[in-house]
Amino acid sequence: MLGWNVKNEDNSMPIKYHFIFWAGYFLINFVRWGSYFNDYIYSLKSNLVEFFIHIPITYFHIYYLIPKLIVKRKISVYFVASVLTLAVAYIVRTELNLLLVTSNIWPEAIGTQKAYSFNHVVAVTIGEVYVVALATAIKLTMDWIAERKKNAQLKQLQLKTELKYLKSQIQPHFFFNTLNNLYYLTIEKSEKASDVVLKLSEIMQYVLYDVKEPKIGLLNEINYIQSYLELERLRHGEKVNSEIQIKGNIDDITIPPLLLLPFIENCFKHGSRNNENVKLDIHFENSKNEQLIFTAKNNFNSNQINDKKRGIGIENVRRRLELLYKNKYSLETKIIDDTFNVLLKIPIV
């Protein structure tokens, strides 16, 4: 039915559905009792009287007693109010039936039954409780569905917001590192500085404009990684030795943008100090069109493990993976013989 606040249109069911419910319920009762007594005129009159009581009692219960008393945990007051409401409903219904319909107040009972007898009071009260309970159950069900939908939308919005935030962290982080490299080349008056600016402008176009979509082609991401590696070679020269291998068809595979870059940056953060060479092996594999397997191996400088200047790094990737794939991914990072190893598996969708 409607939400607790009748004026709140967002939580309200269109009024036409109220008419459909009551019209359908009335029709069922009209046909049922008309067939039972073989008297449809009597069924019409008695049901008109009863529905004159059912409707206000039901809405009073749904829109006043529940939100004002049950929600506020005033259970004893709710019980008393419900009993009084049912008592008033019984009296009004009985008197209207005697006045407008028939003097035989309970024709379906065995023998002649009088109004206000214990059995009649119980029978009428149970019937009223049934109607109120049915309408309340429908109302609660609709509220539950609406609340579940609302929570799902809020969760999705929160997910998109956090993913956008995590992705936005990577962009300035990358530019900071690249501009830092450019700064050193400028100080050294290196002829490579102009090449860095040109390559940086190409990558900036990718980062600022091409990664707005939730997912991009894996080939585009690989091209971006290669451009990043070229930037590092401009600074470090022959000290950077990298290789990218691809196994299987990856033309149609898409992944979240900027997902793999932190692993590549990690290689240079932990392997390029003290004039050390950086050796990096990257491998992509399409496993039966079900999983994308990404592996990266690079030499590891153990002296950098306590470095306080940590970037966005792998924790950013982990959080994004959790939000995007929940328990459908696996990520392992470990150090073996001064080599940092990354193994990432994500589903192909």
Protein backbone atom coordinates (compact mmCIF):
# COMPACT_ATOMS: atom_id res chain seq x y z
CA MET A 1 0.00 0.00 0.00
CA LEU A 2 1.25 3.53 0.67
CA GLY A 3 4.25 4.54 2.73
CA TRP A 4 3.96 5.59 6.37
CA ASN A 5 3.90 9.21 5.26
CA VAL A 6 0.94 9.59 2.93
CA LYS A 7 2.28 12.90 1.60
CA ASN A 8 5.60 11.41 0.58
CA GLU A 9 5.00 10.57 -3.06
CA ASP A 10 8.34 8.76 -3.37
CA ASN A 11 7.15 6.12 -0.89
CA SER A 12 3.54 6.08 -2.08
CA MET A 13 1.71 3.66 -4.30
CA PRO A 14 -0.41 5.32 -7.01
CA ILE A 15 -4.02 5.76 -5.89
CA LYS A 16 -5.28 3.60 -8.74
CA TYR A 17 -3.79 0.52 -7.08
CA HIS A 18 -5.84 1.23 -3.96
CA PHE A 19 -8.99 1.22 -6.05
CA ILE A 20 -7.89 -1.98 -7.78
CA PHE A 21 -7.26 -3.71 -4.44
CA TRP A 22 -10.53 -2.72 -2.83
CA ALA A 23 -12.57 -3.30 -6.00
CA GLY A 24 -11.05 -6.75 -6.43
CA TYR A 25 -11.56 -7.66 -2.80
CA PHE A 26 -15.17 -6.41 -2.89
CA LEU A 27 -15.91 -8.37 -6.07
CA ILE A 28 -14.57 -11.59 -4.58
CA ASN A 29 -16.68 -11.21 -1.45
CA PHE A 30 -19.76 -10.17 -3.42
CA VAL A 31 -19.59 -13.24 -5.67
CA ARG A 32 -18.62 -15.53 -2.81
CA TRP A 33 -21.48 -14.66 -0.46
CA GLY A 34 -23.98 -14.10 -3.27
CA SER A 35 -23.30 -17.64 -4.44
CA TYR A 36 -23.34 -18.97 -0.87
CA PHE A 37 -26.77 -17.52 -0.04
CA ASN A 38 -28.01 -17.56 -3.63
CA ASP A 39 -28.96 -13.96 -2.97
CA TYR A 40 -26.78 -11.39 -4.69
CA ILE A 41 -28.91 -8.45 -3.55
CA TYR A 42 -28.27 -9.37 0.07
CA SER A 43 -24.56 -9.91 -0.67
CA LEU A 44 -24.32 -6.49 -2.32
CA LYS A 45 -25.98 -4.68 0.60
CA SER A 46 -24.04 -6.47 3.32
CA ASN A 47 -20.70 -6.00 1.57
CA LEU A 48 -21.35 -2.30 0.99
CA VAL A 49 -21.91 -1.90 4.73
CA GLU A 50 -18.87 -3.94 5.62
CA PHE A 51 -16.55 -2.14 3.19
CA PHE A 52 -17.76 1.17 4.55
CA ILE A 53 -16.17 -0.04 7.80
CA HIS A 54 -13.19 -1.97 6.39
CA ILE A 55 -11.61 0.89 4.47
CA PRO A 56 -11.37 3.61 7.18
CA ILE A 57 -10.39 1.06 9.85
CA THR A 58 -7.65 -0.35 7.62
CA TYR A 59 -6.13 3.02 6.73
CA PHE A 60 -6.42 4.22 10.33
CA HIS A 61 -4.42 1.16 11.38
CA ILE A 62 -1.81 1.50 8.61
CA TYR A 63 -1.27 5.25 8.68
CA TYR A 64 -1.82 6.11 12.29
CA LEU A 65 -1.60 3.21 14.73
CA ILE A 66 1.51 1.59 13.22
CA PRO A 67 3.66 4.73 12.63
CA LYS A 68 2.50 6.52 15.77
CA LEU A 69 2.49 3.61 18.17
CA ILE A 70 4.21 0.47 16.85
CA VAL A 71 7.19 2.31 15.32
CA LYS A 72 7.58 4.28 18.56
CA ARG A 73 7.32 1.06 20.62
CA LYS A 74 4.12 2.07 22.42
CA ILE A 75 2.86 -1.48 22.30
CA SER A 76 0.42 -1.31 25.21
CA VAL A 77 -1.17 1.87 23.85
CA TYR A 78 -1.37 0.25 20.40
CA PHE A 79 -3.14 -2.78 21.89
CA VAL A 80 -5.70 -0.65 23.71
CA ALA A 81 -6.29 1.55 20.65
CA SER A 82 -6.73 -1.51 18.43
CA VAL A 83 -9.27 -3.07 20.79
CA LEU A 84 -11.23 0.18 20.96
CA THR A 85 -11.13 0.55 17.18
CA LEU A 86 -12.42 -2.99 16.68
CA ALA A 87 -15.15 -2.38 19.25
CA VAL A 88 -16.32 0.75 17.43
CA ALA A 89 -16.14 -1.08 14.11
CA TYR A 90 -18.28 -3.93 15.47
CA ILE A 91 -20.95 -1.60 16.86
CA VAL A 92 -21.19 0.54 13.70
CA ARG A 93 -21.23 -2.47 11.40
CA THR A 94 -23.87 -4.32 13.44
CA GLU A 95 -26.19 -1.35 13.74
CA LEU A 96 -25.93 -0.52 10.02
CA ASN A 97 -26.63 -4.14 9.09
CA LEU A 98 -29.71 -4.21 11.34
CA LEU A 99 -30.89 -0.87 9.98
CA LEU A 100 -30.16 -1.23 6.27
CA VAL A 101 -29.76 -4.92 5.42
CA THR A 102 -31.49 -7.55 7.56
CA SER A 103 -32.70 -8.38 11.02
CA ASN A 104 -31.01 -11.79 10.73
CA ILE A 105 -27.63 -10.45 11.73
CA TRP A 106 -25.69 -13.69 11.12
CA PRO A 107 -27.47 -15.77 8.48
CA GLU A 108 -24.55 -18.12 7.83
CA ALA A 109 -24.49 -19.29 11.48
CA ILE A 110 -26.34 -22.37 12.68
CA GLY A 111 -29.63 -21.30 14.22
CA THR A 112 -30.72 -17.77 14.91
CA GLN A 113 -27.97 -15.65 16.39
CA LYS A 114 -28.44 -12.35 18.13
CA ALA A 115 -26.34 -9.24 17.79
CA TYR A 116 -23.81 -8.54 20.56
CA SER A 117 -23.61 -12.20 21.51
CA PHE A 118 -20.14 -13.52 22.28
CA ASN A 119 -19.96 -15.71 19.17
CA HIS A 120 -21.09 -12.91 16.89
CA VAL A 121 -18.63 -10.44 18.39
CA VAL A 122 -15.77 -12.91 17.91
CA ALA A 123 -16.77 -13.77 14.31
CA VAL A 124 -17.10 -10.13 13.22
CA THR A 125 -13.88 -9.11 14.99
CA ILE A 126 -11.90 -11.93 13.37
CA GLY A 127 -13.25 -10.90 9.97
CA GLU A 128 -12.19 -7.30 10.56
CA VAL A 129 -8.75 -8.34 11.79
CA TYR A 130 -8.36 -10.49 8.67
CA VAL A 131 -9.02 -7.56 6.34
CA VAL A 132 -6.72 -5.21 8.28
CA ALA A 133 -3.98 -7.86 8.45
CA LEU A 134 -4.19 -8.57 4.73
CA ALA A 135 -3.93 -4.89 3.76
CA THR A 136 -1.14 -4.31 6.29
CA ALA A 137 0.81 -7.30 4.97
CA ILE A 138 0.56 -5.94 1.42
CA LYS A 139 1.62 -2.52 2.61
CA LEU A 140 4.62 -3.86 4.52
CA THR A 141 5.64 -5.98 1.55
CA MET A 142 5.51 -2.99 -0.78
CA ASP A 143 7.48 -0.92 1.73
CA TRP A 144 10.10 -3.66 2.00
CA ILE A 145 10.44 -3.86 -1.78
CA ALA A 146 10.71 -0.07 -2.07
CA GLU A 147 13.26 0.12 0.75
CA ARG A 148 15.31 -2.68 -0.76
CA LYS A 149 15.31 -0.92 -4.13
CA LYS A 150 16.28 2.35 -2.49
CA ASN A 151 19.12 0.72 -0.56
CA ALA A 152 20.34 -0.97 -3.74
CA GLN A 153 20.37 2.37 -5.54
CA LEU A 154 22.21 4.04 -2.65
CA LYS A 155 24.72 1.19 -2.55
CA GLN A 156 25.27 1.47 -6.29
CA LEU A 157 25.72 5.23 -5.99
CA GLN A 158 28.17 4.76 -3.13
CA LEU A 159 30.06 2.18 -5.18
CA LYS A 160 30.30 4.50 -8.18
CA THR A 161 31.40 7.39 -5.98
CA GLU A 162 34.13 5.38 -4.28
CA LEU A 163 35.34 3.89 -7.55
CA LYS A 164 35.49 7.35 -9.07
CA TYR A 165 37.44 8.58 -6.05
CA LEU A 166 39.90 5.70 -6.17
CA LYS A 167 40.46 6.19 -9.89
CA SER A 168 40.86 9.94 -9.45
CA GLN A 169 43.62 9.30 -6.91
CA ILE A 170 45.74 7.59 -9.52
CA GLN A 171 45.64 10.40 -12.07
CA PRO A 172 47.32 13.20 -10.03
CA HIS A 173 49.63 10.62 -8.48
CA PHE A 174 50.89 9.61 -11.91
CA PHE A 175 51.27 13.20 -13.10
CA PHE A 176 53.16 14.11 -9.96
CA ASN A 177 55.69 11.34 -10.56
CA THR A 178 56.08 12.20 -14.24
CA LEU A 179 56.50 15.92 -13.58
CA ASN A 180 59.02 15.02 -10.92
CA ASN A 181 60.98 13.11 -13.53
CA LEU A 182 60.69 16.04 -15.90
CA TYR A 183 62.02 18.33 -13.18
CA TYR A 184 65.19 16.26 -12.80
CA LEU A 185 65.73 16.13 -16.56
CA THR A 186 65.33 19.92 -16.74
CA ILE A 187 67.91 20.43 -13.99
CA GLU A 188 70.30 18.20 -15.86
CA LYS A 189 69.48 20.15 -19.05
CA SER A 190 68.78 16.88 -20.75
CA GLU A 191 67.69 16.85 -24.37
CA LYS A 192 65.15 14.20 -23.34
CA ALA A 193 63.02 16.79 -21.51
CA SER A 194 61.14 17.79 -24.67
CA ASP A 195 60.44 14.13 -25.45
CA VAL A 196 59.06 13.67 -21.94
CA VAL A 197 56.73 16.65 -22.39
CA LEU A 198 55.46 15.27 -25.69
CA LYS A 199 54.91 11.77 -24.30
CA LEU A 200 53.32 13.19 -21.17
CA SER A 201 50.83 15.19 -23.25
CA GLU A 202 49.78 12.00 -25.05
CA ILE A 203 49.25 10.16 -21.80
CA MET A 204 47.42 13.11 -20.24
CA GLN A 205 44.90 12.94 -23.06
CA TYR A 206 44.33 9.28 -22.25
CA VAL A 207 44.05 9.79 -18.50
CA LEU A 208 41.84 12.87 -18.67
CA TYR A 209 39.53 11.98 -21.52
CA ASP A 210 39.70 8.32 -22.48
CA VAL A 211 39.14 6.71 -19.08
CA LYS A 212 35.80 8.24 -18.16
CA GLU A 213 33.96 5.04 -18.99
CA PRO A 214 33.63 2.28 -16.34
CA LYS A 215 35.63 -0.05 -18.57
CA ILE A 216 38.00 0.29 -21.50
CA GLY A 217 39.61 -2.09 -23.95
CA LEU A 218 42.53 -4.06 -22.53
CA LEU A 219 44.58 -3.15 -25.61
CA ASN A 220 44.16 0.53 -24.77
CA GLU A 221 45.36 -0.12 -21.23
CA ILE A 222 48.38 -2.01 -22.55
CA ASN A 223 49.21 0.88 -24.89
CA TYR A 224 49.02 3.19 -21.89
CA ILE A 225 51.40 0.95 -19.93
CA GLN A 226 53.82 0.93 -22.85
CA SER A 227 53.72 4.72 -23.00
CA TYR A 228 54.46 4.86 -19.29
CA LEU A 229 57.41 2.52 -19.76
CA GLU A 230 58.71 4.72 -22.55
CA LEU A 231 58.59 7.69 -20.20
CA GLU A 232 60.64 5.78 -17.65
CA ARG A 233 63.17 4.82 -20.35
CA LEU A 234 63.57 8.46 -21.26
CA ARG A 235 64.72 9.11 -17.72
CA HIS A 236 66.63 5.91 -16.91
CA GLY A 237 67.81 4.95 -20.38
CA GLU A 238 69.16 1.45 -20.83
CA LYS A 239 68.65 0.68 -17.16
CA VAL A 240 64.98 -0.13 -17.92
CA ASN A 241 64.53 -3.58 -19.42
CA SER A 242 60.88 -4.55 -19.91
CA GLU A 243 58.96 -7.14 -21.89
CA ILE A 244 55.22 -7.54 -22.45
CA GLN A 245 53.81 -10.91 -23.55
CA ILE A 246 50.24 -11.69 -24.57
CA LYS A 247 48.71 -15.15 -24.75
CA GLY A 248 45.33 -15.71 -26.36
CA ASN A 249 42.93 -13.29 -28.00
CA ILE A 250 42.43 -10.14 -25.91
CA ASP A 251 40.84 -7.92 -28.58
CA ASP A 252 37.38 -7.89 -26.95
CA ILE A 253 38.45 -7.91 -23.30
CA THR A 254 37.62 -4.83 -21.23
CA ILE A 255 38.87 -3.89 -17.77
CA PRO A 256 38.46 -0.95 -15.38
CA PRO A 257 40.76 1.87 -16.54
CA LEU A 258 44.02 2.52 -14.71
CA LEU A 259 43.67 -0.77 -12.83
CA LEU A 260 47.14 -2.14 -13.63
CA LEU A 261 49.28 0.98 -13.54
CA PRO A 262 50.03 0.85 -9.79
CA PHE A 263 51.76 -2.51 -10.31
CA ILE A 264 53.96 -0.97 -13.00
CA GLU A 265 54.74 2.09 -10.89
CA ASN A 266 55.58 -0.22 -8.02
CA CYS A 267 58.38 -1.73 -10.11
CA PHE A 268 60.16 1.61 -10.40
CA LYS A 269 59.46 2.65 -6.83
CA HIS A 270 61.19 -0.43 -5.45
CA GLY A 271 63.68 -1.24 -8.16
CA SER A 272 65.22 1.96 -9.47
CA ARG A 273 67.19 3.41 -6.58
CA ASN A 274 70.96 3.61 -6.36
CA ASN A 275 71.42 3.36 -10.11
CA GLU A 276 69.99 -0.14 -10.18
CA ASN A 277 68.62 -1.61 -13.35
CA VAL A 278 64.89 -2.25 -13.54
CA LYS A 279 63.89 -5.55 -15.04
CA LEU A 280 60.20 -5.99 -15.65
CA ASP A 281 58.29 -8.90 -17.18
CA ILE A 282 54.56 -8.46 -17.86
CA HIS A 283 52.24 -11.19 -19.06
CA PHE A 284 48.58 -11.18 -20.12
CA GLU A 285 46.60 -14.37 -20.72
CA ASN A 286 43.06 -15.02 -21.85
CA SER A 287 42.18 -18.22 -19.99
CA LYS A 288 39.35 -19.99 -21.87
CA ASN A 289 37.50 -16.69 -22.31
CA GLU A 290 36.63 -16.91 -18.62
CA GLN A 291 39.52 -15.23 -16.82
CA LEU A 292 42.11 -12.61 -17.56
CA ILE A 293 45.38 -13.53 -15.90
CA PHE A 294 47.87 -10.72 -15.36
CA THR A 295 51.33 -11.38 -14.01
CA ALA A 296 54.18 -8.97 -13.38
CA LYS A 297 57.68 -9.68 -12.11
CA ASN A 298 60.35 -7.11 -11.31
CA ASN A 299 63.59 -6.96 -9.38
CA PHE A 300 63.01 -5.81 -5.82
CA ASN A 301 65.18 -3.56 -3.67
CA SER A 302 64.58 -4.72 -0.10
CA ASN A 303 66.06 -1.46 1.24
CA GLN A 304 62.97 0.35 -0.03
CA ILE A 305 60.48 -1.69 1.98
CA ASN A 306 60.43 0.82 4.82
CA ASP A 307 60.18 3.81 2.53
CA LYS A 308 57.72 6.25 4.11
CA LYS A 309 56.82 7.90 0.81
CA ARG A 310 54.27 5.38 -0.30
CA GLY A 311 52.04 6.08 -3.26
CA ILE A 312 48.45 5.12 -3.93
CA GLY A 313 49.76 1.67 -4.71
CA ILE A 314 48.35 -1.79 -4.48
CA GLU A 315 45.89 -1.06 -1.67
CA ASN A 316 44.00 1.17 -4.08
CA VAL A 317 43.85 -1.71 -6.55
CA ARG A 318 42.65 -4.15 -3.89
CA ARG A 319 39.80 -1.89 -2.85
CA ARG A 320 38.72 -1.32 -6.44
CA LEU A 321 38.79 -5.06 -7.09
CA GLU A 322 36.65 -5.71 -4.02
CA LEU A 323 34.08 -3.18 -5.14
CA LEU A 324 34.04 -4.34 -8.75
CA TYR A 325 34.34 -8.11 -8.48
CA LYS A 326 33.63 -8.96 -4.81
CA ASN A 327 34.86 -12.55 -4.36
CA LYS A 328 35.26 -13.28 -8.08
CA TYR A 329 38.88 -12.16 -8.31
CA SER A 330 42.20 -13.19 -6.81
CA LEU A 331 45.29 -11.07 -6.20
CA GLU A 332 48.58 -12.42 -4.88
CA THR A 333 51.75 -10.42 -4.27
CA LYS A 334 54.91 -11.99 -2.92
CA ILE A 335 58.68 -11.57 -2.91
CA ILE A 336 60.81 -14.47 -4.14
CA ASP A 337 64.59 -14.13 -4.39
CA ASP A 338 64.57 -10.32 -4.62
CA THR A 339 61.82 -10.46 -7.21
CA PHE A 340 58.42 -8.90 -6.62
CA ASN A 341 55.67 -11.10 -8.12
CA VAL A 342 52.09 -10.10 -8.90
CA LEU A 343 49.38 -12.56 -9.94
CA LEU A 344 45.95 -11.11 -10.69
CA LYS A 345 42.92 -13.04 -11.99
CA ILE A 346 39.69 -11.28 -12.89
CA PRO A 347 36.62 -12.59 -14.72
CA ILE A 348 36.12 -11.74 -18.37
CA VAL A 349 32.69 -10.15 -18.75
